[in-house]
Every structure is written in structure tokens, then in C-alpha cells.
Amino acid sequence: MPDLDRMGVTAEALAQMANTPDPRMREIMAAAIRHLHDFAREVDLKPDEWLAGIAFLTAVGQACTPFRQEFILLSDVLGLSRLVNVMHDAEGREAAGTETSLLGPFFREKAPEFQAGESIAATDKGGEEIILFGQVTDAEGKPLPGAEIDIWQVDATGLYDLQANDAEHMDMRGRFRTDAAGRFHMRTVKPMGYSIPMDGPVGQFVQRQNRHGMRPGHIHILVQAPGYRELVTALYMADDRNIDSDTVFGVSQSLVVMPEKGLPDAPRSDLPAIRYDFRLSRLAAGETGGRVGADPSQILPAAQ
């Protein structure tokens, strides 16, 4: 075997992986090796820096629990989640479909089911009560009855239920169904802006970059209907001071909203309301969809 120099080690690593049976794994790992090695050469990576990187990734993994996904948070603050989401969105969303946003690290499967008009606030912690209403349709505007809408957000203190003392208890999240005309309405509280978790390795990483670590107030939405592409999106509050500097790069102009009274067709006139219609794209042949994110408990089961 020849001695391996700074370029030869890359060629040898690629050669050893060339017989990987899975073609997609072979493609991904070959690209990863090339880019990682190029990165190390570009910055002239030092042994202590390499070890610091290993220690950081180890700490990120150790911070993950069935209620906390630190690696998804890391992907979010690096902009990787948004990039993967944008590329996935471009592959399947019809031109008239609603723009997507990040699922984030706080999604939970099997949220409580509610009837139209009910509030997702299981515990009253204050905050300004608002109405969210609208219609779910296909890309041509045809109503989709029975579509499922998942909604989740922080409470009036700026925390998700996964960050609470008893994370088993679900709050500020729920599932609704559209009626025969594809309409929906629900009550919640106006979401406030909040900081990503700063008590872990990712938060410390963000602080070292002199970033504020804040997300503008938003409501997460996941919409599903048989035969249609799952829509993962969020609605962002226009008056939030960090609307133009979301630390996880989730905001798009088409998703910026503002509660207001007096909206036509609002289910209640006494509460500020947001009217937003969601348009779903049809699933392409052979497409199964896919989320950029997951319930933390599905990635790291409690039994592990």
C-alpha cells in the first residue's frame, strides 16, 4: 500500500466504500467524504479543533431524550433543516400549494382531538386569546372535507409543553377536522416570540456566534388528507421584532399574519382572528411524502 498524503487518503477512503451495495448510501457517503475532507483541508483543521468538534457532537447526542431533540435543533440553527425543506418543497408542491415551514424539534404525535371552535389551551396561563379559521382545499381550490389539522405552539410563558416540568402532559397542541366544506376554526392564544433552548450545547454554540437565538412568535400547522402531500407549515406574527432574523430561518413572507378584529366570516366577532386557507398538493405517483423533523420520542424511544 502506498503512503497516503493529504489527497491520497480521500481517494483511498472513497475506494474502500465503492462497493457499498445500497446505491443511495454509496452516493451520499461518497459526497460526504469528499466534502468533509475538503473542509478539513480548507481550514487546515488542527487536532485540538477536531477533538473539540467530536466533544461538541457527543454533547449534542447526550442532550437528546424522548422529549428533546438537540440534533434537530442543531440542524435548524445551521440552516440545514430549512435547506432540506426548501428542496423537498420544490420537488412536490404545486405552484398554488401553501408554502411550507419547519416542523421543529417540539412536534408530538397523537395530540388531543378537539371539536371546531374549542381551545388548545389545556391550562390557562394568560395571553391574548385569538381565533384561527379558514379552509383546506386542493391546489385548484376544491374543498377537502375531513382533513386533519395538527396545531402546536408555545404557551403564554414562551414554553412548549415538552419544556415543562411534566413533559408527559400535553398542552397548547391539538388536532382538528375540517367540515364538509373544508372549513375549520379553533381558539388559541397569540404566540409570543421565544428563545431556542440555550441550556444545552446548541444554545452555547449559538451564543458563541453572538446570535440572539430568538424565534418570532408562530403557530405550527400540519395538514393531512388522503391522496395529498402532507403540509408542514407555520404562521408567523407580523409584529414580532425578530420576524426578519429567525434564528432557524423558518419565516417566509407568505406565512406572515396578524390577528385582527372585524374579519369577514370570522366565527366570533369578540376575538382577534387570523384567516388562513391551506392548499394541499396532490401526491405524485410513488411519492410517500416526508417530514423534515419528527416527534423526539420516535427518534429516541423511552425504552432506550
Protein backbone atom coordinates (compact mmCIF):
# COMPACT_ATOMS: atom_id res chain seq x y z
CA MET A 1 0.00 0.00 0.00
CA PRO A 2 1.35 3.46 -0.88
CA ASP A 3 1.77 6.09 1.81
CA LEU A 4 -1.31 8.31 1.99
CA ASP A 5 -0.83 12.04 1.62
CA ARG A 6 -3.44 14.76 2.18
CA MET A 7 -5.19 13.95 -1.10
CA GLY A 8 -4.48 10.24 -1.25
CA VAL A 9 -6.38 9.47 1.96
CA THR A 10 -9.56 10.78 0.35
CA ALA A 11 -9.12 8.63 -2.73
CA GLU A 12 -8.45 5.55 -0.57
CA ALA A 13 -11.50 6.17 1.63
CA LEU A 14 -13.69 6.52 -1.46
CA ALA A 15 -12.21 3.35 -2.96
CA GLN A 16 -12.95 1.33 0.17
CA MET A 17 -16.57 2.46 0.13
CA ALA A 18 -17.07 1.95 -3.60
CA ASN A 19 -18.65 -1.48 -3.19
CA THR A 20 -21.43 -0.31 -0.85
CA PRO A 21 -24.45 -2.33 -2.05
CA ASP A 22 -27.05 0.39 -1.45
CA PRO A 23 -26.57 2.87 -4.35
CA ARG A 24 -28.11 5.82 -2.48
CA MET A 25 -25.95 5.19 0.59
CA ARG A 26 -22.92 4.92 -1.70
CA GLU A 27 -23.77 8.25 -3.35
CA ILE A 28 -24.40 10.08 -0.08
CA MET A 29 -21.34 8.77 1.74
CA ALA A 30 -19.01 9.45 -1.20
CA ALA A 31 -20.19 13.07 -1.31
CA ALA A 32 -19.92 13.37 2.48
CA ILE A 33 -16.33 12.08 2.45
CA ARG A 34 -15.30 14.43 -0.34
CA HIS A 35 -16.82 17.49 1.34
CA LEU A 36 -15.60 16.63 4.84
CA HIS A 37 -12.07 16.09 3.63
CA ASP A 38 -12.17 19.27 1.53
CA PHE A 39 -13.45 21.15 4.60
CA ALA A 40 -10.59 19.86 6.76
CA ARG A 41 -8.04 20.83 4.13
CA GLU A 42 -9.59 24.28 3.53
CA VAL A 43 -9.46 25.33 7.18
CA ASP A 44 -6.29 23.34 7.93
CA LEU A 45 -8.12 21.59 10.77
CA LYS A 46 -5.95 21.16 13.88
CA PRO A 47 -6.07 18.11 16.20
CA ASP A 48 -7.45 20.11 19.14
CA GLU A 49 -10.15 21.60 16.88
CA TRP A 50 -11.05 18.15 15.58
CA LEU A 51 -11.33 16.89 19.16
CA ALA A 52 -13.45 19.90 20.16
CA GLY A 53 -15.82 19.08 17.31
CA ILE A 54 -16.05 15.46 18.47
CA ALA A 55 -16.77 16.62 22.03
CA PHE A 56 -19.47 19.02 20.80
CA LEU A 57 -21.27 16.36 18.77
CA THR A 58 -21.01 13.96 21.69
CA ALA A 59 -22.64 16.55 23.95
CA VAL A 60 -25.40 17.15 21.40
CA GLY A 61 -26.17 13.44 21.35
CA GLN A 62 -26.11 13.19 25.13
CA ALA A 63 -28.63 16.05 25.36
CA CYS A 64 -31.20 14.12 23.30
CA THR A 65 -34.07 12.48 25.16
CA PRO A 66 -37.57 11.25 24.20
CA PHE A 67 -38.69 14.85 24.90
CA ARG A 68 -35.76 16.81 23.44
CA GLN A 69 -34.09 16.54 20.03
CA GLU A 70 -30.86 18.50 20.20
CA PHE A 71 -29.61 17.25 16.83
CA ILE A 72 -32.69 18.58 15.02
CA LEU A 73 -32.15 21.87 16.85
CA LEU A 74 -28.54 21.90 15.63
CA SER A 75 -29.70 21.26 12.08
CA ASP A 76 -32.22 24.08 12.46
CA VAL A 77 -29.74 26.74 13.64
CA LEU A 78 -27.29 25.77 10.88
CA GLY A 79 -29.97 26.36 8.25
CA LEU A 80 -29.71 22.72 7.11
CA SER A 81 -33.31 21.92 8.05
CA ARG A 82 -34.58 24.88 6.02
CA LEU A 83 -32.40 23.89 3.05
CA VAL A 84 -33.66 20.29 3.04
CA ASN A 85 -37.22 21.58 3.47
CA VAL A 86 -36.89 24.02 0.56
CA MET A 87 -35.51 21.30 -1.72
CA HIS A 88 -38.22 18.83 -0.68
CA ASP A 89 -40.88 21.51 -1.13
CA ALA A 90 -39.70 22.30 -4.65
CA GLU A 91 -39.92 18.64 -5.68
CA GLY A 92 -43.58 18.10 -4.91
CA ARG A 93 -45.52 21.27 -4.09
CA GLU A 94 -47.81 22.52 -6.83
CA ALA A 95 -47.46 26.20 -7.66
CA ALA A 96 -50.70 27.07 -5.86
CA GLY A 97 -49.94 24.95 -2.79
CA THR A 98 -49.28 26.58 0.58
CA GLU A 99 -45.62 27.26 1.31
CA THR A 100 -44.03 25.01 3.89
CA SER A 101 -42.02 25.78 7.02
CA LEU A 102 -40.08 23.82 9.63
CA LEU A 103 -41.62 21.08 11.76
CA GLY A 104 -39.14 21.99 14.50
CA PRO A 105 -37.96 19.88 17.46
CA PHE A 106 -41.17 20.17 19.50
CA PHE A 107 -43.71 18.25 17.41
CA ARG A 108 -45.59 15.40 19.12
CA GLU A 109 -47.65 12.60 17.63
CA LYS A 110 -51.22 11.90 18.80
CA ALA A 111 -52.08 15.33 20.17
CA PRO A 112 -55.53 15.63 21.80
CA GLU A 113 -58.53 15.81 19.46
CA PHE A 114 -60.80 18.87 19.64
CA GLN A 115 -64.09 19.95 18.13
CA ALA A 116 -64.38 23.04 15.95
CA GLY A 117 -64.13 26.22 17.98
CA GLU A 118 -62.50 24.67 21.03
CA SER A 119 -59.28 25.99 22.58
CA ILE A 120 -56.00 24.07 22.61
CA ALA A 121 -55.03 25.71 25.92
CA ALA A 122 -55.42 22.91 28.47
CA THR A 123 -54.03 25.19 31.21
CA ASP A 124 -54.91 28.87 31.35
CA LYS A 125 -51.62 30.77 31.59
CA GLY A 126 -52.96 34.03 30.27
CA GLY A 127 -52.14 35.52 26.92
CA GLU A 128 -54.39 37.11 24.31
CA GLU A 129 -56.99 34.66 23.05
CA ILE A 130 -57.36 34.56 19.26
CA ILE A 131 -59.27 32.61 16.59
CA LEU A 132 -57.63 30.76 13.72
CA PHE A 133 -60.02 29.88 10.91
CA GLY A 134 -60.10 29.18 7.21
CA GLN A 135 -60.48 26.42 4.67
CA VAL A 136 -58.42 23.48 3.43
CA THR A 137 -58.57 22.92 -0.34
CA ASP A 138 -56.60 21.31 -3.12
CA ALA A 139 -54.38 23.43 -5.36
CA GLU A 140 -57.37 24.29 -7.59
CA GLY A 141 -59.49 25.46 -4.65
CA LYS A 142 -61.68 22.36 -4.24
CA PRO A 143 -62.62 21.95 -0.53
CA LEU A 144 -61.19 18.94 1.30
CA PRO A 145 -63.64 17.69 3.95
CA GLY A 146 -62.29 15.63 6.84
CA ALA A 147 -58.72 16.90 6.51
CA GLU A 148 -56.77 16.63 9.77
CA ILE A 149 -55.09 19.74 11.13
CA ASP A 150 -52.41 19.44 13.82
CA ILE A 151 -51.59 22.68 15.64
CA TRP A 152 -48.96 23.35 18.31
CA GLN A 153 -47.18 26.34 19.81
CA VAL A 154 -45.65 27.82 22.96
CA ASP A 155 -47.85 28.86 25.87
CA ALA A 156 -48.16 32.42 27.23
CA THR A 157 -44.84 31.98 29.09
CA GLY A 158 -42.93 31.17 25.89
CA LEU A 159 -42.50 27.43 26.57
CA TYR A 160 -43.63 24.28 24.79
CA ASP A 161 -45.15 21.53 26.88
CA LEU A 162 -42.04 19.44 26.16
CA GLN A 163 -40.06 22.00 28.14
CA ALA A 164 -42.41 21.90 31.13
CA ASN A 165 -41.72 20.12 34.41
CA ASP A 166 -44.12 17.31 33.47
CA ALA A 167 -43.42 16.75 29.79
CA GLU A 168 -45.86 13.84 29.66
CA HIS A 169 -48.72 16.38 29.87
CA MET A 170 -49.78 17.81 26.51
CA ASP A 171 -50.78 21.45 26.31
CA MET A 172 -51.06 24.08 23.57
CA ARG A 173 -51.44 21.46 20.88
CA GLY A 174 -54.35 19.62 19.32
CA ARG A 175 -55.93 18.00 16.27
CA PHE A 176 -59.00 19.26 14.39
CA ARG A 177 -61.00 18.08 11.37
CA THR A 178 -62.40 20.18 8.56
CA ASP A 179 -66.17 20.12 7.96
CA ALA A 180 -67.99 19.13 4.76
CA ALA A 181 -66.89 22.39 3.11
CA GLY A 182 -63.26 22.02 4.21
CA ARG A 183 -63.67 24.75 6.82
CA PHE A 184 -62.05 24.84 10.26
CA HIS A 185 -61.80 27.15 13.24
CA MET A 186 -60.10 26.90 16.60
CA ARG A 187 -59.09 29.04 19.54
CA THR A 188 -55.59 29.54 20.88
CA VAL A 189 -53.50 32.39 22.29
CA LYS A 190 -51.42 34.79 20.26
CA PRO A 191 -47.96 33.17 20.23
CA MET A 192 -45.06 35.12 21.63
CA GLY A 193 -41.51 35.06 20.40
CA TYR A 194 -39.18 32.81 22.34
CA SER A 195 -35.60 31.70 22.63
CA ILE A 196 -34.48 28.30 21.45
CA PRO A 197 -33.21 26.18 24.39
CA MET A 198 -29.98 27.88 25.47
CA ASP A 199 -29.13 25.47 28.29
CA GLY A 200 -27.58 22.85 26.02
CA PRO A 201 -24.64 22.55 23.61
CA VAL A 202 -26.55 24.05 20.67
CA GLY A 203 -27.58 27.09 22.73
CA GLN A 204 -23.99 27.61 23.84
CA PHE A 205 -22.88 27.26 20.22
CA VAL A 206 -25.36 29.98 19.15
CA GLN A 207 -24.19 32.27 21.97
CA ARG A 208 -20.56 31.90 20.88
CA GLN A 209 -21.63 33.12 17.43
CA ASN A 210 -23.17 36.24 19.03
CA ARG A 211 -26.63 35.34 17.71
CA HIS A 212 -29.78 36.25 19.64
CA GLY A 213 -31.24 32.73 19.47
CA MET A 214 -34.81 34.04 19.17
CA ARG A 215 -37.71 32.79 17.09
CA PRO A 216 -40.58 35.12 16.16
CA GLY A 217 -43.98 34.14 17.55
CA HIS A 218 -45.59 31.45 15.40
CA ILE A 219 -48.19 28.71 15.25
CA HIS A 220 -47.11 25.35 13.84
CA ILE A 221 -49.55 23.69 11.44
CA LEU A 222 -49.55 20.18 9.94
CA VAL A 223 -52.36 19.34 7.49
CA GLN A 224 -53.11 15.86 6.12
CA ALA A 225 -55.70 14.48 3.70
CA PRO A 226 -55.72 11.14 1.82
CA GLY A 227 -54.14 11.41 -1.62
CA TYR A 228 -52.46 14.74 -0.86
CA ARG A 229 -49.00 15.75 0.16
CA GLU A 230 -48.68 16.36 3.87
CA LEU A 231 -48.33 20.08 4.54
CA VAL A 232 -45.95 21.15 7.31
CA THR A 233 -46.00 24.91 7.77
CA ALA A 234 -46.28 27.71 10.34
CA LEU A 235 -47.90 31.13 10.65
CA TYR A 236 -45.65 33.94 11.91
CA MET A 237 -46.73 37.07 13.77
CA ALA A 238 -46.02 40.21 11.74
CA ASP A 239 -45.40 42.44 14.76
CA ASP A 240 -42.63 40.30 16.26
CA ARG A 241 -39.33 42.21 16.45
CA ASN A 242 -37.40 39.15 15.21
CA ILE A 243 -39.59 38.49 12.19
CA ASP A 244 -36.63 39.29 9.89
CA SER A 245 -33.97 37.37 11.84
CA ASP A 246 -35.44 33.99 12.82
CA THR A 247 -32.56 32.01 14.30
CA VAL A 248 -33.67 28.85 12.46
CA PHE A 249 -34.53 30.59 9.15
CA GLY A 250 -38.17 29.43 9.10
CA VAL A 251 -40.03 32.60 8.06
CA SER A 252 -41.43 33.15 4.55
CA GLN A 253 -43.38 36.26 3.56
CA SER A 254 -46.47 34.29 2.53
CA LEU A 255 -46.72 32.87 6.07
CA VAL A 256 -46.64 36.21 7.94
CA VAL A 257 -50.00 37.06 9.51
CA MET A 258 -51.57 39.31 12.13
CA PRO A 259 -54.69 38.74 14.27
CA GLU A 260 -57.33 41.43 13.85
CA LYS A 261 -60.96 42.02 14.72
CA GLY A 262 -63.72 42.53 12.21
CA LEU A 263 -62.61 39.97 9.63
CA PRO A 264 -65.42 38.89 7.30
CA ASP A 265 -66.79 35.41 8.13
CA ALA A 266 -64.86 35.23 11.42
CA PRO A 267 -66.64 32.72 13.71
CA ARG A 268 -66.59 35.22 16.58
CA SER A 269 -66.56 39.00 16.49
CA ASP A 270 -65.32 39.47 20.06
CA LEU A 271 -61.86 37.98 19.47
CA PRO A 272 -58.99 38.91 17.14
CA ALA A 273 -58.81 36.41 14.31
CA ILE A 274 -56.45 35.06 11.67
CA ARG A 275 -57.97 33.87 8.40
CA TYR A 276 -55.69 31.50 6.54
CA ASP A 277 -56.57 29.00 3.82
CA PHE A 278 -54.32 25.98 3.30
CA ARG A 279 -53.93 24.47 -0.16
CA LEU A 280 -52.59 20.93 -0.47
CA SER A 281 -50.68 19.47 -3.41
CA ARG A 282 -51.54 16.04 -4.72
CA LEU A 283 -49.16 13.18 -4.07
CA ALA A 284 -47.15 12.29 -7.15
CA ALA A 285 -47.07 8.68 -8.35
CA GLY A 286 -44.93 6.64 -5.96
CA GLU A 287 -44.43 9.56 -3.57
CA THR A 288 -44.83 8.90 0.14
CA GLY A 289 -44.17 12.43 1.39
CA GLY A 290 -41.66 13.05 4.16
CA ARG A 291 -41.11 15.41 7.06
CA VAL A 292 -38.02 17.43 7.88
CA GLY A 293 -38.35 16.58 11.58
CA ALA A 294 -40.06 14.10 13.89
CA ASP A 295 -41.55 13.58 17.33
CA PRO A 296 -38.46 13.28 19.60
CA SER A 297 -39.88 10.11 21.14
CA GLN A 298 -39.90 8.46 17.69
CA ILE A 299 -36.18 9.12 17.24
CA LEU A 300 -35.10 8.18 20.75
CA PRO A 301 -37.72 5.88 22.32
CA ALA A 302 -38.09 5.99 26.09
CA ALA A 303 -37.13 2.31 26.26
CA GLN A 304 -33.61 3.03 25.07
